[in-house]
């Protein structure tokens, strides 16, 4: 091949006649591009997880407030239903006692789960 054809091939990047320094520069450039792409993907995932966590928290608070309101309404209804049969004081004590029993059972369940975790995680 003549000199002009070789120069044209080099300019077009068609030859494998690269120096070691140029090969290293290209490899470093490719690695940087790969790292930048991976970091962009990690940032995107973090943004998606952050947004989802925000909505989970918001919806959880709404569900908690709604459940609390429902439980209060249920307790008032139970008192109103039992008041004609047992009297207001006894109905109030019965509903309050049932609520305290439910709280104690939940606390016992939490205690069991904490002890289970303590056995697994030293």
PDB file of N, CA and C in Angstrom:
ATOM      1  N   UNK A   1       0.845  -1.183   0.000  1.00  0.00           N
ATOM      2  CA  UNK A   1       0.000   0.000   0.000  1.00  0.00           C
ATOM      3  C   UNK A   1       0.880   1.232   0.000  1.00  0.00           C
ATOM      4  N   UNK A   2       0.390   2.240  -0.616  1.00  0.00           N
ATOM      5  CA  UNK A   2       1.173   3.467  -0.619  1.00  0.00           C
ATOM      6  C   UNK A   2       0.914   4.285   0.635  1.00  0.00           C
ATOM      7  N   UNK A   3       1.674   5.301   0.877  1.00  0.00           N
ATOM      8  CA  UNK A   3       1.609   6.110   2.087  1.00  0.00           C
ATOM      9  C   UNK A   3       0.278   6.828   2.235  1.00  0.00           C
ATOM     10  N   UNK A   4      -0.314   7.284   1.131  1.00  0.00           N
ATOM     11  CA  UNK A   4      -1.577   8.017   1.210  1.00  0.00           C
ATOM     12  C   UNK A   4      -2.712   7.105   1.650  1.00  0.00           C
ATOM     13  N   UNK A   5      -2.698   5.854   1.160  1.00  0.00           N
ATOM     14  CA  UNK A   5      -3.747   4.903   1.536  1.00  0.00           C
ATOM     15  C   UNK A   5      -3.630   4.537   3.013  1.00  0.00           C
ATOM     16  N   UNK A   6      -2.375   4.357   3.494  1.00  0.00           N
ATOM     17  CA  UNK A   6      -2.179   4.036   4.911  1.00  0.00           C
ATOM     18  C   UNK A   6      -2.620   5.195   5.794  1.00  0.00           C
ATOM     19  N   UNK A   7      -2.328   6.420   5.386  1.00  0.00           N
ATOM     20  CA  UNK A   7      -2.753   7.589   6.152  1.00  0.00           C
ATOM     21  C   UNK A   7      -4.280   7.691   6.206  1.00  0.00           C
ATOM     22  N   UNK A   8      -4.917   7.373   5.086  1.00  0.00           N
ATOM     23  CA  UNK A   8      -6.377   7.434   5.038  1.00  0.00           C
ATOM     24  C   UNK A   8      -6.991   6.367   5.957  1.00  0.00           C
ATOM     25  N   UNK A   9      -6.392   5.165   5.958  1.00  0.00           N
ATOM     26  CA  UNK A   9      -6.904   4.112   6.835  1.00  0.00           C
ATOM     27  C   UNK A   9      -6.710   4.478   8.307  1.00  0.00           C
ATOM     28  N   UNK A  10      -5.544   5.045   8.632  1.00  0.00           N
ATOM     29  CA  UNK A  10      -5.296   5.463  10.007  1.00  0.00           C
ATOM     30  C   UNK A  10      -6.296   6.538  10.435  1.00  0.00           C
ATOM     31  N   UNK A  11      -6.537   7.483   9.562  1.00  0.00           N
ATOM     32  CA  UNK A  11      -7.472   8.567   9.872  1.00  0.00           C
ATOM     33  C   UNK A  11      -8.879   8.020  10.072  1.00  0.00           C
ATOM     34  N   UNK A  12      -9.252   6.993   9.330  1.00  0.00           N
ATOM     35  CA  UNK A  12     -10.583   6.399   9.446  1.00  0.00           C
ATOM     36  C   UNK A  12     -10.653   5.414  10.599  1.00  0.00           C
ATOM     37  N   UNK A  13      -9.514   5.067  11.196  1.00  0.00           N
ATOM     38  CA  UNK A  13      -9.501   4.134  12.316  1.00  0.00           C
ATOM     39  C   UNK A  13      -9.623   2.697  11.871  1.00  0.00           C
ATOM     40  N   UNK A  14      -9.201   2.385  10.651  1.00  0.00           N
ATOM     41  CA  UNK A  14      -9.337   1.038  10.120  1.00  0.00           C
ATOM     42  C   UNK A  14      -8.121   0.161  10.367  1.00  0.00           C
ATOM     43  N   UNK A  15      -7.054   0.720  10.877  1.00  0.00           N
ATOM     44  CA  UNK A  15      -5.852  -0.083  11.096  1.00  0.00           C
ATOM     45  C   UNK A  15      -5.708  -0.405  12.576  1.00  0.00           C
ATOM     46  N   UNK A  16      -4.994  -1.459  12.839  1.00  0.00           N
ATOM     47  CA  UNK A  16      -4.694  -1.852  14.209  1.00  0.00           C
ATOM     48  C   UNK A  16      -3.299  -1.384  14.603  1.00  0.00           C
ATOM     49  N   UNK A  17      -2.832  -0.363  13.938  1.00  0.00           N
ATOM     50  CA  UNK A  17      -1.493   0.147  14.147  1.00  0.00           C
ATOM     51  C   UNK A  17      -1.483   1.198  15.249  1.00  0.00           C
ATOM     52  N   UNK A  18      -1.947   0.860  16.456  1.00  0.00           N
ATOM     53  CA  UNK A  18      -2.010   1.814  17.555  1.00  0.00           C
ATOM     54  C   UNK A  18      -0.821   1.599  18.468  1.00  0.00           C
ATOM     55  N   UNK A  19      -0.350   2.681  19.006  1.00  0.00           N
ATOM     56  CA  UNK A  19       0.731   2.561  19.977  1.00  0.00           C
ATOM     57  C   UNK A  19       0.153   2.053  21.297  1.00  0.00           C
ATOM     58  N   UNK A  20       1.021   1.609  22.186  1.00  0.00           N
ATOM     59  CA  UNK A  20       0.583   1.109  23.482  1.00  0.00           C
ATOM     60  C   UNK A  20      -0.117   2.211  24.270  1.00  0.00           C
ATOM     61  N   UNK A  21       0.420   3.407  24.204  1.00  0.00           N
ATOM     62  CA  UNK A  21      -0.186   4.529  24.921  1.00  0.00           C
ATOM     63  C   UNK A  21      -1.594   4.823  24.426  1.00  0.00           C
ATOM     64  N   UNK A  22      -1.785   4.790  23.113  1.00  0.00           N
ATOM     65  CA  UNK A  22      -3.112   5.049  22.549  1.00  0.00           C
ATOM     66  C   UNK A  22      -4.091   3.944  22.934  1.00  0.00           C
ATOM     67  N   UNK A  23      -3.635   2.688  22.957  1.00  0.00           N
ATOM     68  CA  UNK A  23      -4.489   1.568  23.363  1.00  0.00           C
ATOM     69  C   UNK A  23      -4.921   1.717  24.818  1.00  0.00           C
ATOM     70  N   UNK A  24      -3.988   2.118  25.687  1.00  0.00           N
ATOM     71  CA  UNK A  24      -4.309   2.312  27.096  1.00  0.00           C
ATOM     72  C   UNK A  24      -5.292   3.452  27.259  1.00  0.00           C
ATOM     73  N   UNK A  25      -5.101   4.541  26.514  1.00  0.00           N
ATOM     74  CA  UNK A  25      -6.036   5.678  26.585  1.00  0.00           C
ATOM     75  C   UNK A  25      -7.442   5.247  26.189  1.00  0.00           C
ATOM     76  N   UNK A  26      -7.547   4.458  25.129  1.00  0.00           N
ATOM     77  CA  UNK A  26      -8.867   3.984  24.697  1.00  0.00           C
ATOM     78  C   UNK A  26      -9.496   3.056  25.737  1.00  0.00           C
ATOM     79  N   UNK A  27      -8.669   2.191  26.325  1.00  0.00           N
ATOM     80  CA  UNK A  27      -9.187   1.279  27.348  1.00  0.00           C
ATOM     81  C   UNK A  27      -9.659   2.055  28.574  1.00  0.00           C
ATOM     82  N   UNK A  28      -8.879   3.046  28.993  1.00  0.00           N
ATOM     83  CA  UNK A  28      -9.266   3.871  30.142  1.00  0.00           C
ATOM     84  C   UNK A  28     -10.548   4.628  29.830  1.00  0.00           C
ATOM     85  N   UNK A  29     -10.657   5.136  28.618  1.00  0.00           N
ATOM     86  CA  UNK A  29     -11.864   5.853  28.212  1.00  0.00           C
ATOM     87  C   UNK A  29     -13.080   4.927  28.233  1.00  0.00           C
ATOM     88  N   UNK A  30     -12.911   3.697  27.756  1.00  0.00           N
ATOM     89  CA  UNK A  30     -14.024   2.741  27.756  1.00  0.00           C
ATOM     90  C   UNK A  30     -14.426   2.379  29.187  1.00  0.00           C
ATOM     91  N   UNK A  31     -13.441   2.225  30.067  1.00  0.00           N
ATOM     92  CA  UNK A  31     -13.750   1.902  31.458  1.00  0.00           C
ATOM     93  C   UNK A  31     -14.484   3.064  32.119  1.00  0.00           C
ATOM     94  N   UNK A  32     -14.035   4.287  31.853  1.00  0.00           N
ATOM     95  CA  UNK A  32     -14.715   5.460  32.415  1.00  0.00           C
ATOM     96  C   UNK A  32     -16.160   5.540  31.942  1.00  0.00           C
ATOM     97  N   UNK A  33     -16.390   5.297  30.664  1.00  0.00           N
ATOM     98  CA  UNK A  33     -17.753   5.314  30.137  1.00  0.00           C
ATOM     99  C   UNK A  33     -18.608   4.242  30.810  1.00  0.00           C
ATOM    100  N   UNK A  34     -18.030   3.068  31.001  1.00  0.00           N
ATOM    101  CA  UNK A  34     -18.755   1.984  31.662  1.00  0.00           C
ATOM    102  C   UNK A  34     -19.093   2.345  33.107  1.00  0.00           C
ATOM    103  N   UNK A  35     -18.134   2.927  33.827  1.00  0.00           N
ATOM    104  CA  UNK A  35     -18.364   3.340  35.215  1.00  0.00           C
ATOM    105  C   UNK A  35     -19.424   4.434  35.273  1.00  0.00           C
ATOM    106  N   UNK A  36     -19.350   5.402  34.361  1.00  0.00           N
ATOM    107  CA  UNK A  36     -20.355   6.467  34.332  1.00  0.00           C
ATOM    108  C   UNK A  36     -21.748   5.907  34.077  1.00  0.00           C
ATOM    109  N   UNK A  37     -21.846   4.941  33.170  1.00  0.00           N
ATOM    110  CA  UNK A  37     -23.150   4.327  32.886  1.00  0.00           C
ATOM    111  C   UNK A  37     -23.663   3.571  34.108  1.00  0.00           C
ATOM    112  N   UNK A  38     -22.768   2.853  34.793  1.00  0.00           N
ATOM    113  CA  UNK A  38     -23.175   2.109  35.981  1.00  0.00           C
ATOM    114  C   UNK A  38     -23.614   3.058  37.094  1.00  0.00           C
ATOM    115  N   UNK A  39     -22.883   4.154  37.280  1.00  0.00           N
ATOM    116  CA  UNK A  39     -23.272   5.141  38.297  1.00  0.00           C
ATOM    117  C   UNK A  39     -24.620   5.777  37.971  1.00  0.00           C
ATOM    118  N   UNK A  40     -24.854   6.044  36.709  1.00  0.00           N
ATOM    119  CA  UNK A  40     -26.156   6.590  36.315  1.00  0.00           C
ATOM    120  C   UNK A  40     -27.275   5.613  36.632  1.00  0.00           C
ATOM    121  N   UNK A  41     -27.031   4.321  36.395  1.00  0.00           N
ATOM    122  CA  UNK A  41     -28.028   3.304  36.699  1.00  0.00           C
ATOM    123  C   UNK A  41     -28.278   3.221  38.201  1.00  0.00           C
ATOM    124  N   UNK A  42     -27.206   3.288  39.001  1.00  0.00           N
ATOM    125  CA  UNK A  42     -27.353   3.234  40.458  1.00  0.00           C
ATOM    126  C   UNK A  42     -28.122   4.454  40.953  1.00  0.00           C
ATOM    127  N   UNK A  43     -27.810   5.623  40.410  1.00  0.00           N
ATOM    128  CA  UNK A  43     -28.529   6.847  40.803  1.00  0.00           C
ATOM    129  C   UNK A  43     -30.008   6.746  40.455  1.00  0.00           C
ATOM    130  N   UNK A  44     -30.312   6.211  39.286  1.00  0.00           N
ATOM    131  CA  UNK A  44     -31.706   6.050  38.870  1.00  0.00           C
ATOM    132  C   UNK A  44     -32.435   5.087  39.804  1.00  0.00           C
ATOM    133  N   UNK A  45     -31.789   3.970  40.141  1.00  0.00           N
ATOM    134  CA  UNK A  45     -32.407   3.025  41.066  1.00  0.00           C
ATOM    135  C   UNK A  45     -32.640   3.665  42.432  1.00  0.00           C
ATOM    136  N   UNK A  46     -31.661   4.434  42.906  1.00  0.00           N
ATOM    137  CA  UNK A  46     -31.808   5.096  44.205  1.00  0.00           C
ATOM    138  C   UNK A  46     -32.968   6.090  44.174  1.00  0.00           C
ATOM    139  N   UNK A  47     -33.114   6.812  43.074  1.00  0.00           N
ATOM    140  CA  UNK A  47     -34.216   7.762  42.955  1.00  0.00           C
ATOM    141  C   UNK A  47     -35.566   7.038  42.962  1.00  0.00           C
ATOM    142  N   UNK A  48     -35.640   5.913  42.274  1.00  0.00           N
ATOM    143  CA  UNK A  48     -36.889   5.143  42.238  1.00  0.00           C
ATOM    144  C   UNK A  48     -37.211   4.598  43.623  1.00  0.00           C
ATOM    145  N   UNK A  49     -36.199   4.051  44.311  1.00  0.00           N
ATOM    146  CA  UNK A  49     -36.423   3.508  45.650  1.00  0.00           C
ATOM    147  C   UNK A  49     -36.815   4.624  46.617  1.00  0.00           C
ATOM    148  N   UNK A  50     -36.160   5.786  46.509  1.00  0.00           N
ATOM    149  CA  UNK A  50     -36.499   6.913  47.378  1.00  0.00           C
ATOM    150  C   UNK A  50     -37.929   7.379  47.175  1.00  0.00           C
ATOM    151  N   UNK A  51     -38.340   7.465  45.933  1.00  0.00           N
ATOM    152  CA  UNK A  51     -39.712   7.878  45.641  1.00  0.00           C
ATOM    153  C   UNK A  51     -40.710   6.849  46.160  1.00  0.00           C
ATOM    154  N   UNK A  52     -40.399   5.571  45.963  1.00  0.00           N
ATOM    155  CA  UNK A  52     -41.296   4.524  46.450  1.00  0.00           C
ATOM    156  C   UNK A  52     -41.374   4.539  47.973  1.00  0.00           C
ATOM    157  N   UNK A  53     -40.230   4.753  48.631  1.00  0.00           N
ATOM    158  CA  UNK A  53     -40.221   4.791  50.102  1.00  0.00           C
ATOM    159  C   UNK A  53     -41.072   5.953  50.618  1.00  0.00           C
ATOM    160  N   UNK A  54     -41.006   7.082  49.924  1.00  0.00           N
ATOM    161  CA  UNK A  54     -41.814   8.233  50.327  1.00  0.00           C
ATOM    162  C   UNK A  54     -43.301   7.892  50.247  1.00  0.00           C
ATOM    163  N   UNK A  55     -43.712   7.267  49.148  1.00  0.00           N
ATOM    164  CA  UNK A  55     -45.128   6.935  48.992  1.00  0.00           C
ATOM    165  C   UNK A  55     -45.558   5.829  49.944  1.00  0.00           C
ATOM    166  N   UNK A  56     -44.658   4.902  50.242  1.00  0.00           N
ATOM    167  CA  UNK A  56     -44.978   3.867  51.228  1.00  0.00           C
ATOM    168  C   UNK A  56     -45.243   4.518  52.577  1.00  0.00           C
ATOM    169  N   UNK A  57     -44.394   5.480  52.958  1.00  0.00           N
ATOM    170  CA  UNK A  57     -44.574   6.157  54.245  1.00  0.00           C
ATOM    171  C   UNK A  57     -45.881   6.947  54.270  1.00  0.00           C
ATOM    172  N   UNK A  58     -46.167   7.680  53.215  1.00  0.00           N
ATOM    173  CA  UNK A  58     -47.393   8.486  53.159  1.00  0.00           C
ATOM    174  C   UNK A  58     -48.628   7.588  53.248  1.00  0.00           C
ATOM    175  N   UNK A  59     -48.653   6.532  52.433  1.00  0.00           N
ATOM    176  CA  UNK A  59     -49.810   5.637  52.436  1.00  0.00           C
ATOM    177  C   UNK A  59     -49.920   4.872  53.750  1.00  0.00           C
ATOM    178  N   UNK A  60     -48.776   4.544  54.364  1.00  0.00           N
ATOM    179  CA  UNK A  60     -48.801   3.880  55.664  1.00  0.00           C
ATOM    180  C   UNK A  60     -49.416   4.761  56.740  1.00  0.00           C
ATOM    181  N   UNK A  61     -49.065   6.050  56.736  1.00  0.00           N
ATOM    182  CA  UNK A  61     -49.641   6.980  57.716  1.00  0.00           C
ATOM    183  C   UNK A  61     -51.147   7.117  57.495  1.00  0.00           C
ATOM    184  N   UNK A  62     -51.549   7.227  56.247  1.00  0.00           N
ATOM    185  CA  UNK A  62     -52.985   7.329  55.949  1.00  0.00           C
ATOM    186  C   UNK A  62     -53.713   6.068  56.417  1.00  0.00           C
ATOM    187  N   UNK A  63     -53.128   4.901  56.151  1.00  0.00           N
ATOM    188  CA  UNK A  63     -53.757   3.645  56.578  1.00  0.00           C
ATOM    189  C   UNK A  63     -53.826   3.564  58.102  1.00  0.00           C
ATOM    190  N   UNK A  64     -52.773   4.007  58.795  1.00  0.00           N
ATOM    191  CA  UNK A  64     -52.763   3.977  60.252  1.00  0.00           C
ATOM    192  C   UNK A  64     -53.847   4.881  60.828  1.00  0.00           C
ATOM    193  N   UNK A  65     -53.957   6.090  60.295  1.00  0.00           N
ATOM    194  CA  UNK A  65     -54.973   7.029  60.787  1.00  0.00           C
ATOM    195  C   UNK A  65     -56.376   6.478  60.526  1.00  0.00           C
ATOM    196  N   UNK A  66     -56.579   5.908  59.357  1.00  0.00           N
ATOM    197  CA  UNK A  66     -57.884   5.341  59.027  1.00  0.00           C
ATOM    198  C   UNK A  66     -58.213   4.148  59.930  1.00  0.00           C
ATOM    199  N   UNK A  67     -57.225   3.286  60.164  1.00  0.00           N
ATOM    200  CA  UNK A  67     -57.453   2.133  61.040  1.00  0.00           C
ATOM    201  C   UNK A  67     -57.747   2.592  62.467  1.00  0.00           C
ATOM    202  N   UNK A  68     -57.043   3.607  62.933  1.00  0.00           N
ATOM    203  CA  UNK A  68     -57.295   4.118  64.276  1.00  0.00           C
ATOM    204  C   UNK A  68     -58.721   4.660  64.386  1.00  0.00           C
ATOM    205  N   UNK A  69     -59.138   5.424  63.393  1.00  0.00           N
ATOM    206  CA  UNK A  69     -60.507   5.943  63.380  1.00  0.00           C
ATOM    207  C   UNK A  69     -61.531   4.830  63.347  1.00  0.00           C
ATOM    208  N   UNK A  70     -61.260   3.785  62.595  1.00  0.00           N
ATOM    209  CA  UNK A  70     -62.184   2.655  62.511  1.00  0.00           C
ATOM    210  C   UNK A  70     -62.291   1.946  63.862  1.00  0.00           C
ATOM    211  N   UNK A  71     -61.159   1.770  64.541  1.00  0.00           N
ATOM    212  CA  UNK A  71     -61.179   1.096  65.841  1.00  0.00           C
ATOM    213  C   UNK A  71     -61.943   1.929  66.864  1.00  0.00           C
ATOM    214  N   UNK A  72     -61.739   3.243  66.854  1.00  0.00           N
ATOM    215  CA  UNK A  72     -62.477   4.114  67.783  1.00  0.00           C
ATOM    216  C   UNK A  72     -63.974   4.034  67.501  1.00  0.00           C
ATOM    217  N   UNK A  73     -64.337   4.070  66.236  1.00  0.00           N
ATOM    218  CA  UNK A  73     -65.751   3.972  65.860  1.00  0.00           C
ATOM    219  C   UNK A  73     -66.339   2.628  66.286  1.00  0.00           C
ATOM    220  N   UNK A  74     -65.576   1.556  66.101  1.00  0.00           N
ATOM    221  CA  UNK A  74     -66.034   0.229  66.503  1.00  0.00           C
ATOM    222  C   UNK A  74     -66.236   0.154  68.011  1.00  0.00           C
ATOM    223  N   UNK A  75     -65.334   0.740  68.769  1.00  0.00           N
ATOM    224  CA  UNK A  75     -65.455   0.713  70.232  1.00  0.00           C
ATOM    225  C   UNK A  75     -66.666   1.532  70.694  1.00  0.00           C
ATOM    226  N   UNK A  76     -66.878   2.687  70.081  1.00  0.00           N
ATOM    227  CA  UNK A  76     -68.051   3.497  70.440  1.00  0.00           C
ATOM    228  C   UNK A  76     -69.333   2.741  70.109  1.00  0.00           C
ATOM    229  N   UNK A  77     -69.357   2.103  68.938  1.00  0.00           N
ATOM    230  CA  UNK A  77     -70.530   1.313  68.550  1.00  0.00           C
ATOM    231  C   UNK A  77     -70.770   0.149  69.500  1.00  0.00           C
ATOM    232  N   UNK A  78     -69.696  -0.506  69.937  1.00  0.00           N
ATOM    233  CA  UNK A  78     -69.855  -1.618  70.881  1.00  0.00           C
ATOM    234  C   UNK A  78     -70.400  -1.127  72.211  1.00  0.00           C
ATOM    235  N   UNK A  79     -69.930   0.027  72.671  1.00  0.00           N
ATOM    236  CA  UNK A  79     -70.450   0.593  73.924  1.00  0.00           C
ATOM    237  C   UNK A  79     -71.927   0.929  73.772  1.00  0.00           C
ATOM    238  N   UNK A  80     -72.277   1.534  72.646  1.00  0.00           N
ATOM    239  CA  UNK A  80     -73.678   1.897  72.423  1.00  0.00           C
ATOM    240  C   UNK A  80     -74.571   0.654  72.314  1.00  0.00           C
ATOM    241  N   UNK A  81     -74.038  -0.414  71.733  1.00  0.00           N
ATOM    242  CA  UNK A  81     -74.831  -1.639  71.587  1.00  0.00           C
ATOM    243  C   UNK A  81     -74.996  -2.364  72.921  1.00  0.00           C
ATOM    244  N   UNK A  82     -73.948  -2.334  73.753  1.00  0.00           N
ATOM    245  CA  UNK A  82     -74.014  -3.055  75.024  1.00  0.00           C
ATOM    246  C   UNK A  82     -74.661  -2.247  76.143  1.00  0.00           C
ATOM    247  N   UNK A  83     -74.720  -0.925  75.998  1.00  0.00           N
ATOM    248  CA  UNK A  83     -75.259  -0.073  77.067  1.00  0.00           C
ATOM    249  C   UNK A  83     -76.698  -0.427  77.451  1.00  0.00           C
ATOM    250  N   UNK A  84     -77.606  -0.660  76.512  1.00  0.00           N
ATOM    251  CA  UNK A  84     -78.974  -1.012  76.933  1.00  0.00           C
ATOM    252  C   UNK A  84     -79.051  -2.365  77.650  1.00  0.00           C
ATOM    253  N   UNK A  85     -78.131  -3.269  77.333  1.00  0.00           N
ATOM    254  CA  UNK A  85     -78.169  -4.603  77.948  1.00  0.00           C
ATOM    255  C   UNK A  85     -77.496  -4.632  79.322  1.00  0.00           C
ATOM    256  N   UNK A  86     -76.331  -3.999  79.453  1.00  0.00           N
ATOM    257  CA  UNK A  86     -75.536  -4.104  80.675  1.00  0.00           C
ATOM    258  C   UNK A  86     -75.435  -2.803  81.450  1.00  0.00           C
ATOM    259  N   UNK A  87     -75.882  -1.738  80.869  1.00  0.00           N
ATOM    260  CA  UNK A  87     -75.695  -0.424  81.471  1.00  0.00           C
ATOM    261  C   UNK A  87     -74.414   0.208  80.909  1.00  0.00           C
ATOM    262  N   UNK A  88     -74.380   1.511  80.968  1.00  0.00           N
ATOM    263  CA  UNK A  88     -73.276   2.236  80.340  1.00  0.00           C
ATOM    264  C   UNK A  88     -71.931   1.924  80.995  1.00  0.00           C
ATOM    265  N   UNK A  89     -71.888   1.882  82.307  1.00  0.00           N
ATOM    266  CA  UNK A  89     -70.618   1.640  83.003  1.00  0.00           C
ATOM    267  C   UNK A  89     -70.038   0.276  82.707  1.00  0.00           C
ATOM    268  N   UNK A  90     -70.867  -0.757  82.764  1.00  0.00           N
ATOM    269  CA  UNK A  90     -70.385  -2.106  82.507  1.00  0.00           C
ATOM    270  C   UNK A  90     -70.002  -2.287  81.036  1.00  0.00           C
ATOM    271  N   UNK A  91     -70.750  -1.670  80.128  1.00  0.00           N
ATOM    272  CA  UNK A  91     -70.417  -1.739  78.701  1.00  0.00           C
ATOM    273  C   UNK A  91     -69.069  -1.077  78.447  1.00  0.00           C
ATOM    274  N   UNK A  92     -68.852   0.079  79.089  1.00  0.00           N
ATOM    275  CA  UNK A  92     -67.583   0.784  78.943  1.00  0.00           C
ATOM    276  C   UNK A  92     -66.434  -0.070  79.470  1.00  0.00           C
ATOM    277  N   UNK A  93     -66.618  -0.700  80.625  1.00  0.00           N
ATOM    278  CA  UNK A  93     -65.582  -1.564  81.184  1.00  0.00           C
ATOM    279  C   UNK A  93     -65.314  -2.778  80.298  1.00  0.00           C
ATOM    280  N   UNK A  94     -66.363  -3.367  79.745  1.00  0.00           N
ATOM    281  CA  UNK A  94     -66.192  -4.545  78.891  1.00  0.00           C
ATOM    282  C   UNK A  94     -65.414  -4.202  77.626  1.00  0.00           C
ATOM    283  N   UNK A  95     -65.769  -3.103  76.978  1.00  0.00           N
ATOM    284  CA  UNK A  95     -65.089  -2.714  75.737  1.00  0.00           C
ATOM    285  C   UNK A  95     -63.648  -2.315  76.032  1.00  0.00           C
ATOM    286  N   UNK A  96     -63.434  -1.565  77.117  1.00  0.00           N
ATOM    287  CA  UNK A  96     -62.077  -1.170  77.488  1.00  0.00           C
ATOM    288  C   UNK A  96     -61.240  -2.398  77.843  1.00  0.00           C
ATOM    289  N   UNK A  97     -61.819  -3.341  78.567  1.00  0.00           N
ATOM    290  CA  UNK A  97     -61.106  -4.577  78.907  1.00  0.00           C
ATOM    291  C   UNK A  97     -60.737  -5.381  77.680  1.00  0.00           C
ATOM    292  N   UNK A  98     -61.646  -5.466  76.724  1.00  0.00           N
ATOM    293  CA  UNK A  98     -61.357  -6.192  75.482  1.00  0.00           C
ATOM    294  C   UNK A  98     -60.237  -5.507  74.711  1.00  0.00           C
ATOM    295  N   UNK A  99     -60.248  -4.172  74.695  1.00  0.00           N
ATOM    296  CA  UNK A  99     -59.191  -3.434  74.004  1.00  0.00           C
ATOM    297  C   UNK A  99     -57.845  -3.648  74.697  1.00  0.00           C
ATOM    298  N   UNK A 100     -57.844  -3.615  76.037  1.00  0.00           N
ATOM    299  CA  UNK A 100     -56.604  -3.859  76.775  1.00  0.00           C
ATOM    300  C   UNK A 100     -56.095  -5.281  76.550  1.00  0.00           C
ATOM    301  N   UNK A 101     -56.998  -6.241  76.479  1.00  0.00           N
ATOM    302  CA  UNK A 101     -56.592  -7.617  76.195  1.00  0.00           C
ATOM    303  C   UNK A 101     -55.947  -7.714  74.816  1.00  0.00           C
ATOM    304  N   UNK A 102     -56.520  -7.040  73.831  1.00  0.00           N
ATOM    305  CA  UNK A 102     -55.945  -7.037  72.485  1.00  0.00           C
ATOM    306  C   UNK A 102     -54.552  -6.395  72.497  1.00  0.00           C
ATOM    307  N   UNK A 103     -54.397  -5.299  73.257  1.00  0.00           N
ATOM    308  CA  UNK A 103     -53.092  -4.636  73.357  1.00  0.00           C
ATOM    309  C   UNK A 103     -52.078  -5.561  74.009  1.00  0.00           C
ATOM    310  N   UNK A 104     -52.476  -6.247  75.076  1.00  0.00           N
ATOM    311  CA  UNK A 104     -51.564  -7.181  75.752  1.00  0.00           C
ATOM    312  C   UNK A 104     -51.157  -8.338  74.839  1.00  0.00           C
ATOM    313  N   UNK A 105     -52.093  -8.862  74.071  1.00  0.00           N
ATOM    314  CA  UNK A 105     -51.764  -9.943  73.140  1.00  0.00           C
ATOM    315  C   UNK A 105     -50.791  -9.469  72.054  1.00  0.00           C
ATOM    316  N   UNK A 106     -51.001  -8.273  71.561  1.00  0.00           N
ATOM    317  CA  UNK A 106     -50.073  -7.714  70.568  1.00  0.00           C
ATOM    318  C   UNK A 106     -48.688  -7.514  71.179  1.00  0.00           C
ATOM    319  N   UNK A 107     -48.641  -7.004  72.404  1.00  0.00           N
ATOM    320  CA  UNK A 107     -47.358  -6.824  73.091  1.00  0.00           C
ATOM    321  C   UNK A 107     -46.649  -8.146  73.311  1.00  0.00           C
ATOM    322  N   UNK A 108     -47.403  -9.182  73.683  1.00  0.00           N
ATOM    323  CA  UNK A 108     -46.817 -10.504  73.858  1.00  0.00           C
ATOM    324  C   UNK A 108     -46.265 -11.021  72.525  1.00  0.00           C
ATOM    325  N   UNK A 109     -47.002 -10.811  71.441  1.00  0.00           N
ATOM    326  CA  UNK A 109     -46.535 -11.223  70.117  1.00  0.00           C
ATOM    327  C   UNK A 109     -45.264 -10.493  69.710  1.00  0.00           C
ATOM    328  N   UNK A 110     -45.190  -9.204  70.010  1.00  0.00           N
ATOM    329  CA  UNK A 110     -43.980  -8.433  69.725  1.00  0.00           C
ATOM    330  C   UNK A 110     -42.814  -8.990  70.526  1.00  0.00           C
ATOM    331  N   UNK A 111     -43.044  -9.293  71.802  1.00  0.00           N
ATOM    332  CA  UNK A 111     -42.001  -9.850  72.663  1.00  0.00           C
ATOM    333  C   UNK A 111     -41.487 -11.181  72.114  1.00  0.00           C
ATOM    334  N   UNK A 112     -42.378 -12.027  71.647  1.00  0.00           N
ATOM    335  CA  UNK A 112     -41.979 -13.312  71.075  1.00  0.00           C
ATOM    336  C   UNK A 112     -41.101 -13.098  69.848  1.00  0.00           C
ATOM    337  N   UNK A 113     -41.479 -12.157  68.998  1.00  0.00           N
ATOM    338  CA  UNK A 113     -40.703 -11.908  67.786  1.00  0.00           C
ATOM    339  C   UNK A 113     -39.326 -11.306  68.110  1.00  0.00           C
ATOM    340  N   UNK A 114     -39.264 -10.434  69.101  1.00  0.00           N
ATOM    341  CA  UNK A 114     -37.975  -9.853  69.504  1.00  0.00           C
ATOM    342  C   UNK A 114     -37.059 -10.946  70.037  1.00  0.00           C
ATOM    343  N   UNK A 115     -37.590 -11.851  70.865  1.00  0.00           N
ATOM    344  CA  UNK A 115     -36.783 -12.955  71.377  1.00  0.00           C
ATOM    345  C   UNK A 115     -36.325 -13.878  70.257  1.00  0.00           C
ATOM    346  N   UNK A 116     -37.161 -14.061  69.256  1.00  0.00           N
ATOM    347  CA  UNK A 116     -36.788 -14.869  68.091  1.00  0.00           C
ATOM    348  C   UNK A 116     -35.620 -14.244  67.352  1.00  0.00           C
ATOM    349  N   UNK A 117     -35.654 -12.934  67.196  1.00  0.00           N
ATOM    350  CA  UNK A 117     -34.556 -12.225  66.537  1.00  0.00           C
ATOM    351  C   UNK A 117     -33.284 -12.323  67.356  1.00  0.00           C
ATOM    352  N   UNK A 118     -33.412 -12.178  68.670  1.00  0.00           N
ATOM    353  CA  UNK A 118     -32.237 -12.245  69.546  1.00  0.00           C
ATOM    354  C   UNK A 118     -31.560 -13.606  69.488  1.00  0.00           C
ATOM    355  N   UNK A 119     -32.322 -14.676  69.271  1.00  0.00           N
ATOM    356  CA  UNK A 119     -31.717 -15.991  69.152  1.00  0.00           C
ATOM    357  C   UNK A 119     -30.931 -16.131  67.860  1.00  0.00           C
ATOM    358  N   UNK A 120     -31.391 -15.475  66.805  1.00  0.00           N
ATOM    359  CA  UNK A 120     -30.736 -15.594  65.503  1.00  0.00           C
ATOM    360  C   UNK A 120     -29.561 -14.628  65.384  1.00  0.00           C
ATOM    361  N   UNK A 121     -29.759 -13.392  65.837  1.00  0.00           N
ATOM    362  CA  UNK A 121     -28.731 -12.365  65.736  1.00  0.00           C
ATOM    363  C   UNK A 121     -28.098 -12.181  67.103  1.00  0.00           C
ATOM    364  N   UNK A 122     -26.816 -12.528  67.217  1.00  0.00           N
ATOM    365  CA  UNK A 122     -26.183 -12.394  68.550  1.00  0.00           C
ATOM    366  C   UNK A 122     -25.963 -10.974  68.969  1.00  0.00           C
TER     367      UNK A 122
END
